[in-house]
Amino acid sequence: MDFIRTDGRNKDFIENCRLLDIDLDRRVGKKIKRDKYKKYNQLDEIKEAIVVYENDKVVGGGAIRKYDEENIELKRVFVHTEYQGRGIGSKLVALLIEWAMELGYKRMILETGELLAESCAVYKKLGFDIIPNYAPYVNMPESLCMAKDLRGR
């Protein structure tokens, strides 16, 4: 597996995000109106992304994006279905945490949903704790926000 640093303009990262949206529509689209989330998932503000390759084939990706001076947000993490359960997502998030620390951020935040149990389990395993929903997710009860302190790692 190769974990390659890039940004939100990378064509493989963009395609991985398209596949993530298809997967989310399939998994939670019947229960949650996902259109309201689109404006928070624009790729043009992403300066740090990682694409995961196996033998030159894209198998996943994820990114971090500045939220404020102390917090960086984990965004658009997705491992293709046939590669899930192999620890790729955990390694990807760990590498994004390392990158955030290199950049000097004190805390990583993320938004997910209780319906995405596998994702929640990965984040908890990596030391994320549930927090009150942060803006813009404050009035979205289907959202679940988490955070990890990067200073004590």
N, C-alpha and C. Protein backbone atom coordinates (compact mmCIF):
# COMPACT_ATOMS: atom_id res chain seq x y z
N MET A 1 0.84 -1.19 0.00
CA MET A 1 0.00 0.00 0.00
C MET A 1 0.88 1.24 0.00
N ASP A 2 0.50 2.20 -0.80
CA ASP A 2 1.19 3.48 -0.83
C ASP A 2 0.20 4.56 -0.40
N PHE A 3 0.61 5.39 0.53
CA PHE A 3 -0.20 6.49 1.04
C PHE A 3 0.49 7.78 0.57
N ILE A 4 -0.09 8.43 -0.42
CA ILE A 4 0.55 9.56 -1.10
C ILE A 4 -0.12 10.87 -0.70
N ARG A 5 0.69 11.82 -0.22
CA ARG A 5 0.19 13.15 0.12
C ARG A 5 -0.09 13.95 -1.15
N THR A 6 -1.21 14.67 -1.14
CA THR A 6 -1.61 15.49 -2.27
C THR A 6 -2.52 16.61 -1.76
N ASP A 7 -3.43 17.09 -2.61
CA ASP A 7 -4.39 18.10 -2.17
C ASP A 7 -5.74 17.82 -2.82
N GLY A 8 -6.70 18.71 -2.57
CA GLY A 8 -8.07 18.50 -3.04
C GLY A 8 -8.27 18.60 -4.54
N ARG A 9 -7.24 18.98 -5.28
CA ARG A 9 -7.35 19.06 -6.74
C ARG A 9 -6.92 17.76 -7.43
N ASN A 10 -6.38 16.82 -6.68
CA ASN A 10 -5.89 15.56 -7.25
C ASN A 10 -7.06 14.77 -7.83
N LYS A 11 -6.95 14.34 -9.08
CA LYS A 11 -8.06 13.65 -9.75
C LYS A 11 -8.44 12.34 -9.06
N ASP A 12 -7.47 11.62 -8.51
CA ASP A 12 -7.79 10.37 -7.81
C ASP A 12 -8.51 10.66 -6.49
N PHE A 13 -8.12 11.73 -5.80
CA PHE A 13 -8.81 12.11 -4.58
C PHE A 13 -10.26 12.53 -4.89
N ILE A 14 -10.44 13.32 -5.95
CA ILE A 14 -11.78 13.77 -6.35
C ILE A 14 -12.67 12.57 -6.67
N GLU A 15 -12.12 11.60 -7.40
CA GLU A 15 -12.90 10.39 -7.74
C GLU A 15 -13.23 9.59 -6.49
N ASN A 16 -12.29 9.50 -5.56
CA ASN A 16 -12.55 8.78 -4.31
C ASN A 16 -13.70 9.45 -3.54
N CYS A 17 -13.74 10.78 -3.55
CA CYS A 17 -14.82 11.51 -2.88
C CYS A 17 -16.16 11.25 -3.57
N ARG A 18 -16.14 11.14 -4.90
CA ARG A 18 -17.38 10.82 -5.63
C ARG A 18 -17.89 9.44 -5.21
N LEU A 19 -16.98 8.48 -5.08
CA LEU A 19 -17.37 7.14 -4.64
C LEU A 19 -17.86 7.15 -3.19
N LEU A 20 -17.25 7.99 -2.35
CA LEU A 20 -17.72 8.15 -0.97
C LEU A 20 -19.17 8.62 -0.97
N ASP A 21 -19.49 9.63 -1.78
CA ASP A 21 -20.86 10.14 -1.82
C ASP A 21 -21.85 9.08 -2.28
N ILE A 22 -21.47 8.28 -3.26
CA ILE A 22 -22.33 7.18 -3.72
C ILE A 22 -22.55 6.19 -2.58
N ASP A 23 -21.47 5.85 -1.86
CA ASP A 23 -21.58 4.91 -0.74
C ASP A 23 -22.47 5.47 0.36
N LEU A 24 -22.31 6.75 0.68
CA LEU A 24 -23.14 7.37 1.72
C LEU A 24 -24.60 7.41 1.30
N ASP A 25 -24.87 7.72 0.04
CA ASP A 25 -26.25 7.72 -0.45
C ASP A 25 -26.86 6.33 -0.31
N ARG A 26 -26.07 5.31 -0.61
CA ARG A 26 -26.55 3.93 -0.51
C ARG A 26 -26.81 3.54 0.95
N ARG A 27 -25.91 3.96 1.85
CA ARG A 27 -25.99 3.52 3.24
C ARG A 27 -26.96 4.33 4.09
N VAL A 28 -27.00 5.64 3.89
CA VAL A 28 -27.84 6.47 4.78
C VAL A 28 -28.78 7.40 4.03
N GLY A 29 -28.72 7.41 2.72
CA GLY A 29 -29.51 8.34 1.93
C GLY A 29 -31.01 8.23 2.08
N LYS A 30 -31.50 7.06 2.44
CA LYS A 30 -32.94 6.88 2.63
C LYS A 30 -33.40 7.47 3.96
N LYS A 31 -32.48 7.61 4.92
CA LYS A 31 -32.83 8.10 6.25
C LYS A 31 -32.46 9.56 6.45
N ILE A 32 -31.47 10.04 5.72
CA ILE A 32 -30.95 11.40 5.90
C ILE A 32 -30.94 12.12 4.57
N LYS A 33 -31.45 13.34 4.55
CA LYS A 33 -31.36 14.18 3.35
C LYS A 33 -29.95 14.75 3.30
N ARG A 34 -29.10 14.16 2.48
CA ARG A 34 -27.68 14.49 2.45
C ARG A 34 -27.35 15.78 1.71
N ASP A 35 -28.28 16.32 0.94
CA ASP A 35 -28.00 17.53 0.16
C ASP A 35 -27.50 18.68 1.02
N LYS A 36 -28.00 18.78 2.24
CA LYS A 36 -27.61 19.90 3.11
C LYS A 36 -26.13 19.85 3.50
N TYR A 37 -25.48 18.71 3.31
CA TYR A 37 -24.07 18.56 3.66
C TYR A 37 -23.11 18.96 2.53
N LYS A 38 -23.61 19.03 1.30
CA LYS A 38 -22.73 19.26 0.14
C LYS A 38 -21.87 20.51 0.29
N LYS A 39 -22.45 21.59 0.79
CA LYS A 39 -21.69 22.84 0.88
C LYS A 39 -20.55 22.76 1.88
N TYR A 40 -20.58 21.77 2.78
CA TYR A 40 -19.52 21.61 3.77
C TYR A 40 -18.44 20.63 3.32
N ASN A 41 -18.63 20.06 2.14
CA ASN A 41 -17.69 19.06 1.64
C ASN A 41 -17.03 19.46 0.32
N GLN A 42 -16.90 20.75 0.09
CA GLN A 42 -16.24 21.24 -1.12
C GLN A 42 -14.74 20.93 -1.03
N LEU A 43 -14.17 20.54 -2.14
CA LEU A 43 -12.77 20.10 -2.16
C LEU A 43 -11.78 21.23 -2.43
N ASP A 44 -12.28 22.39 -2.88
CA ASP A 44 -11.36 23.46 -3.26
C ASP A 44 -10.60 24.06 -2.07
N GLU A 45 -11.10 23.87 -0.86
CA GLU A 45 -10.41 24.41 0.33
C GLU A 45 -9.44 23.39 0.93
N ILE A 46 -9.37 22.21 0.36
CA ILE A 46 -8.52 21.16 0.93
C ILE A 46 -7.11 21.27 0.39
N LYS A 47 -6.18 21.53 1.29
CA LYS A 47 -4.78 21.66 0.91
C LYS A 47 -3.97 20.41 1.27
N GLU A 48 -4.52 19.57 2.16
CA GLU A 48 -3.83 18.36 2.60
C GLU A 48 -4.77 17.16 2.44
N ALA A 49 -4.38 16.27 1.54
CA ALA A 49 -5.15 15.05 1.31
C ALA A 49 -4.17 13.89 1.12
N ILE A 50 -4.65 12.70 1.37
CA ILE A 50 -3.86 11.49 1.13
C ILE A 50 -4.70 10.55 0.27
N VAL A 51 -4.09 10.02 -0.77
CA VAL A 51 -4.72 8.99 -1.60
C VAL A 51 -3.98 7.69 -1.35
N VAL A 52 -4.74 6.61 -1.18
CA VAL A 52 -4.17 5.29 -0.91
C VAL A 52 -4.22 4.46 -2.20
N TYR A 53 -3.07 3.89 -2.54
CA TYR A 53 -2.96 3.07 -3.75
C TYR A 53 -2.49 1.66 -3.38
N GLU A 54 -3.00 0.69 -4.13
CA GLU A 54 -2.45 -0.66 -4.09
C GLU A 54 -2.17 -1.03 -5.54
N ASN A 55 -0.90 -1.25 -5.86
CA ASN A 55 -0.49 -1.55 -7.24
C ASN A 55 -1.07 -0.53 -8.23
N ASP A 56 -0.91 0.74 -7.92
CA ASP A 56 -1.36 1.85 -8.77
C ASP A 56 -2.87 1.99 -8.88
N LYS A 57 -3.63 1.21 -8.12
CA LYS A 57 -5.09 1.34 -8.11
C LYS A 57 -5.49 2.11 -6.85
N VAL A 58 -6.36 3.11 -7.01
CA VAL A 58 -6.85 3.87 -5.85
C VAL A 58 -7.77 2.98 -5.04
N VAL A 59 -7.49 2.89 -3.73
CA VAL A 59 -8.34 2.08 -2.85
C VAL A 59 -8.92 2.91 -1.71
N GLY A 60 -8.53 4.18 -1.60
CA GLY A 60 -9.08 5.02 -0.54
C GLY A 60 -8.44 6.39 -0.51
N GLY A 61 -8.90 7.19 0.44
CA GLY A 61 -8.34 8.52 0.60
C GLY A 61 -9.01 9.26 1.74
N GLY A 62 -8.45 10.40 2.08
CA GLY A 62 -9.01 11.25 3.12
C GLY A 62 -8.24 12.55 3.16
N ALA A 63 -8.73 13.49 3.97
CA ALA A 63 -8.12 14.81 3.99
C ALA A 63 -8.29 15.47 5.36
N ILE A 64 -7.56 16.55 5.52
CA ILE A 64 -7.72 17.44 6.66
C ILE A 64 -7.88 18.84 6.12
N ARG A 65 -8.64 19.67 6.86
CA ARG A 65 -8.88 21.05 6.44
C ARG A 65 -8.91 21.94 7.67
N LYS A 66 -8.24 23.05 7.58
CA LYS A 66 -8.21 24.01 8.69
C LYS A 66 -9.63 24.41 9.07
N TYR A 67 -9.92 24.32 10.37
CA TYR A 67 -11.21 24.78 10.90
C TYR A 67 -11.03 26.15 11.54
N ASP A 68 -10.01 26.25 12.40
CA ASP A 68 -9.61 27.53 12.99
C ASP A 68 -8.13 27.41 13.36
N GLU A 69 -7.61 28.34 14.11
CA GLU A 69 -6.16 28.34 14.39
C GLU A 69 -5.69 27.12 15.18
N GLU A 70 -6.55 26.53 16.01
CA GLU A 70 -6.16 25.38 16.85
C GLU A 70 -6.71 24.05 16.36
N ASN A 71 -7.81 24.09 15.60
CA ASN A 71 -8.52 22.87 15.21
C ASN A 71 -8.42 22.62 13.71
N ILE A 72 -8.21 21.36 13.38
CA ILE A 72 -8.22 20.92 11.99
C ILE A 72 -9.29 19.84 11.88
N GLU A 73 -10.00 19.86 10.76
CA GLU A 73 -11.13 18.95 10.59
C GLU A 73 -10.74 17.80 9.66
N LEU A 74 -11.08 16.59 10.08
CA LEU A 74 -10.90 15.40 9.25
C LEU A 74 -12.05 15.35 8.26
N LYS A 75 -11.74 15.18 6.98
CA LYS A 75 -12.76 15.25 5.93
C LYS A 75 -12.60 14.11 4.94
N ARG A 76 -13.74 13.67 4.40
CA ARG A 76 -13.82 12.84 3.19
C ARG A 76 -13.01 11.55 3.25
N VAL A 77 -13.02 10.90 4.41
CA VAL A 77 -12.30 9.63 4.57
C VAL A 77 -13.15 8.50 4.00
N PHE A 78 -12.55 7.73 3.09
CA PHE A 78 -13.27 6.61 2.49
C PHE A 78 -12.28 5.58 1.97
N VAL A 79 -12.54 4.33 2.31
CA VAL A 79 -11.80 3.19 1.76
C VAL A 79 -12.82 2.37 0.97
N HIS A 80 -12.47 2.03 -0.25
CA HIS A 80 -13.38 1.28 -1.12
C HIS A 80 -13.86 0.01 -0.40
N THR A 81 -15.10 -0.31 -0.62
CA THR A 81 -15.77 -1.39 0.11
C THR A 81 -14.97 -2.69 0.13
N GLU A 82 -14.42 -3.09 -1.01
CA GLU A 82 -13.70 -4.36 -1.07
C GLU A 82 -12.38 -4.34 -0.32
N TYR A 83 -11.94 -3.17 0.14
CA TYR A 83 -10.69 -3.05 0.90
C TYR A 83 -10.93 -2.74 2.38
N GLN A 84 -12.17 -2.59 2.77
CA GLN A 84 -12.49 -2.30 4.16
C GLN A 84 -12.20 -3.51 5.04
N GLY A 85 -11.93 -3.25 6.31
CA GLY A 85 -11.65 -4.33 7.25
C GLY A 85 -10.22 -4.81 7.25
N ARG A 86 -9.34 -4.11 6.55
CA ARG A 86 -7.93 -4.50 6.46
C ARG A 86 -7.00 -3.52 7.17
N GLY A 87 -7.58 -2.57 7.91
CA GLY A 87 -6.76 -1.61 8.66
C GLY A 87 -6.31 -0.41 7.85
N ILE A 88 -6.75 -0.32 6.60
CA ILE A 88 -6.33 0.78 5.74
C ILE A 88 -6.87 2.12 6.26
N GLY A 89 -8.14 2.13 6.66
CA GLY A 89 -8.75 3.35 7.17
C GLY A 89 -8.07 3.84 8.43
N SER A 90 -7.74 2.91 9.32
CA SER A 90 -7.04 3.29 10.56
C SER A 90 -5.68 3.89 10.26
N LYS A 91 -4.94 3.27 9.34
CA LYS A 91 -3.62 3.80 8.99
C LYS A 91 -3.75 5.16 8.31
N LEU A 92 -4.74 5.30 7.43
CA LEU A 92 -4.97 6.56 6.74
C LEU A 92 -5.24 7.68 7.74
N VAL A 93 -6.15 7.45 8.69
CA VAL A 93 -6.48 8.48 9.68
C VAL A 93 -5.26 8.77 10.56
N ALA A 94 -4.51 7.73 10.93
CA ALA A 94 -3.29 7.95 11.74
C ALA A 94 -2.29 8.84 10.99
N LEU A 95 -2.15 8.64 9.69
CA LEU A 95 -1.24 9.48 8.90
C LEU A 95 -1.76 10.91 8.79
N LEU A 96 -3.07 11.08 8.69
CA LEU A 96 -3.64 12.42 8.66
C LEU A 96 -3.47 13.12 10.02
N ILE A 97 -3.54 12.35 11.11
CA ILE A 97 -3.28 12.91 12.45
C ILE A 97 -1.83 13.38 12.52
N GLU A 98 -0.90 12.55 12.05
CA GLU A 98 0.52 12.95 12.04
C GLU A 98 0.72 14.24 11.26
N TRP A 99 0.11 14.35 10.11
CA TRP A 99 0.24 15.54 9.27
C TRP A 99 -0.30 16.77 10.01
N ALA A 100 -1.45 16.61 10.66
CA ALA A 100 -2.04 17.72 11.42
C ALA A 100 -1.10 18.17 12.53
N MET A 101 -0.44 17.22 13.17
CA MET A 101 0.52 17.55 14.22
C MET A 101 1.73 18.29 13.64
N GLU A 102 2.21 17.83 12.48
CA GLU A 102 3.31 18.52 11.80
C GLU A 102 2.95 19.98 11.53
N LEU A 103 1.68 20.22 11.21
CA LEU A 103 1.21 21.57 10.90
C LEU A 103 0.96 22.41 12.16
N GLY A 104 1.05 21.76 13.34
CA GLY A 104 0.94 22.50 14.60
C GLY A 104 -0.45 22.61 15.18
N TYR A 105 -1.40 21.84 14.68
CA TYR A 105 -2.75 21.90 15.24
C TYR A 105 -2.81 21.19 16.59
N LYS A 106 -3.69 21.67 17.46
CA LYS A 106 -3.82 21.13 18.81
C LYS A 106 -4.93 20.08 18.93
N ARG A 107 -5.90 20.13 18.01
CA ARG A 107 -7.03 19.20 18.11
C ARG A 107 -7.56 18.91 16.71
N MET A 108 -7.97 17.64 16.53
CA MET A 108 -8.63 17.25 15.28
C MET A 108 -10.10 17.00 15.59
N ILE A 109 -10.96 17.56 14.75
CA ILE A 109 -12.40 17.37 14.90
C ILE A 109 -12.93 16.68 13.65
N LEU A 110 -14.11 16.08 13.78
CA LEU A 110 -14.74 15.44 12.64
C LEU A 110 -16.24 15.36 12.85
N GLU A 111 -16.93 15.21 11.75
CA GLU A 111 -18.38 14.99 11.77
C GLU A 111 -18.64 13.69 11.04
N THR A 112 -19.45 12.85 11.67
CA THR A 112 -19.87 11.59 11.07
C THR A 112 -21.33 11.39 11.48
N GLY A 113 -21.79 10.17 11.50
CA GLY A 113 -23.16 9.89 11.93
C GLY A 113 -23.21 8.56 12.64
N GLU A 114 -24.14 8.45 13.57
CA GLU A 114 -24.28 7.18 14.31
C GLU A 114 -24.61 6.02 13.38
N LEU A 115 -25.24 6.31 12.24
CA LEU A 115 -25.57 5.25 11.28
C LEU A 115 -24.32 4.64 10.65
N LEU A 116 -23.19 5.34 10.75
CA LEU A 116 -21.93 4.85 10.17
C LEU A 116 -21.10 4.19 11.28
N ALA A 117 -21.60 3.09 11.79
CA ALA A 117 -21.02 2.42 12.96
C ALA A 117 -19.56 2.04 12.76
N GLU A 118 -19.20 1.56 11.56
CA GLU A 118 -17.82 1.15 11.32
C GLU A 118 -16.87 2.34 11.45
N SER A 119 -17.27 3.47 10.88
CA SER A 119 -16.43 4.68 10.97
C SER A 119 -16.29 5.12 12.42
N CYS A 120 -17.40 5.13 13.15
CA CYS A 120 -17.36 5.53 14.56
C CYS A 120 -16.40 4.63 15.35
N ALA A 121 -16.42 3.33 15.06
CA ALA A 121 -15.54 2.39 15.77
C ALA A 121 -14.07 2.69 15.47
N VAL A 122 -13.74 3.01 14.22
CA VAL A 122 -12.36 3.34 13.86
C VAL A 122 -11.93 4.59 14.61
N TYR A 123 -12.77 5.61 14.60
CA TYR A 123 -12.41 6.87 15.27
C TYR A 123 -12.23 6.68 16.77
N LYS A 124 -13.11 5.92 17.40
CA LYS A 124 -12.97 5.66 18.85
C LYS A 124 -11.69 4.90 19.14
N LYS A 125 -11.37 3.93 18.29
CA LYS A 125 -10.14 3.15 18.46
C LYS A 125 -8.91 4.05 18.38
N LEU A 126 -8.98 5.09 17.57
CA LEU A 126 -7.86 6.01 17.40
C LEU A 126 -7.85 7.15 18.41
N GLY A 127 -8.76 7.10 19.38
CA GLY A 127 -8.73 8.07 20.48
C GLY A 127 -9.64 9.27 20.33
N PHE A 128 -10.57 9.24 19.41
CA PHE A 128 -11.55 10.32 19.28
C PHE A 128 -12.67 10.11 20.29
N ASP A 129 -13.14 11.21 20.85
CA ASP A 129 -14.27 11.20 21.78
C ASP A 129 -15.41 12.01 21.21
N ILE A 130 -16.63 11.62 21.57
CA ILE A 130 -17.81 12.36 21.13
C ILE A 130 -17.83 13.72 21.83
N ILE A 131 -18.13 14.75 21.07
CA ILE A 131 -18.23 16.12 21.59
C ILE A 131 -19.56 16.71 21.15
N PRO A 132 -19.97 17.83 21.74
CA PRO A 132 -21.17 18.52 21.22
C PRO A 132 -20.94 18.91 19.76
N ASN A 133 -21.99 18.87 18.98
CA ASN A 133 -21.86 19.22 17.56
C ASN A 133 -21.35 20.65 17.42
N TYR A 134 -20.37 20.84 16.58
CA TYR A 134 -19.80 22.15 16.30
C TYR A 134 -20.44 22.70 15.02
N ALA A 135 -20.29 24.02 14.83
CA ALA A 135 -20.84 24.65 13.63
C ALA A 135 -20.12 24.09 12.40
N PRO A 136 -20.83 23.76 11.38
CA PRO A 136 -22.21 24.05 11.04
C PRO A 136 -23.20 22.93 11.38
N TYR A 137 -22.80 21.99 12.20
CA TYR A 137 -23.61 20.79 12.46
C TYR A 137 -24.46 20.89 13.72
N VAL A 138 -24.48 22.05 14.37
CA VAL A 138 -25.16 22.22 15.66
C VAL A 138 -26.62 21.78 15.61
N ASN A 139 -27.33 22.16 14.59
CA ASN A 139 -28.76 21.83 14.51
C ASN A 139 -29.05 20.66 13.58
N MET A 140 -28.10 19.74 13.50
CA MET A 140 -28.28 18.55 12.67
C MET A 140 -28.19 17.32 13.59
N PRO A 141 -29.32 16.88 14.13
CA PRO A 141 -29.29 15.78 15.11
C PRO A 141 -28.76 14.46 14.56
N GLU A 142 -28.78 14.28 13.24
CA GLU A 142 -28.23 13.04 12.66
C GLU A 142 -26.71 13.05 12.61
N SER A 143 -26.11 14.22 12.85
CA SER A 143 -24.65 14.33 12.87
C SER A 143 -24.11 13.94 14.24
N LEU A 144 -22.94 13.34 14.21
CA LEU A 144 -22.21 12.99 15.43
C LEU A 144 -20.82 13.58 15.28
N CYS A 145 -20.44 14.45 16.20
CA CYS A 145 -19.12 15.09 16.13
C CYS A 145 -18.18 14.47 17.15
N MET A 146 -16.91 14.41 16.78
CA MET A 146 -15.89 13.81 17.64
C MET A 146 -14.65 14.69 17.58
N ALA A 147 -13.76 14.49 18.57
CA ALA A 147 -12.51 15.25 18.60
C ALA A 147 -11.41 14.41 19.24
N LYS A 148 -10.18 14.76 18.87
CA LYS A 148 -9.01 14.12 19.45
C LYS A 148 -7.98 15.20 19.76
N ASP A 149 -7.52 15.20 21.00
CA ASP A 149 -6.47 16.14 21.41
C ASP A 149 -5.15 15.66 20.80
N LEU A 150 -4.48 16.53 20.08
CA LEU A 150 -3.23 16.16 19.42
C LEU A 150 -2.00 16.50 20.24
N ARG A 151 -2.19 17.18 21.36
CA ARG A 151 -1.03 17.61 22.16
C ARG A 151 -0.45 16.48 23.01
N GLY A 152 -1.29 15.54 23.44
CA GLY A 152 -0.82 14.49 24.33
C GLY A 152 -0.46 13.21 23.61
N ARG A 153 -0.40 13.24 22.30
CA ARG A 153 -0.16 12.03 21.52
C ARG A 153 1.30 11.70 21.47
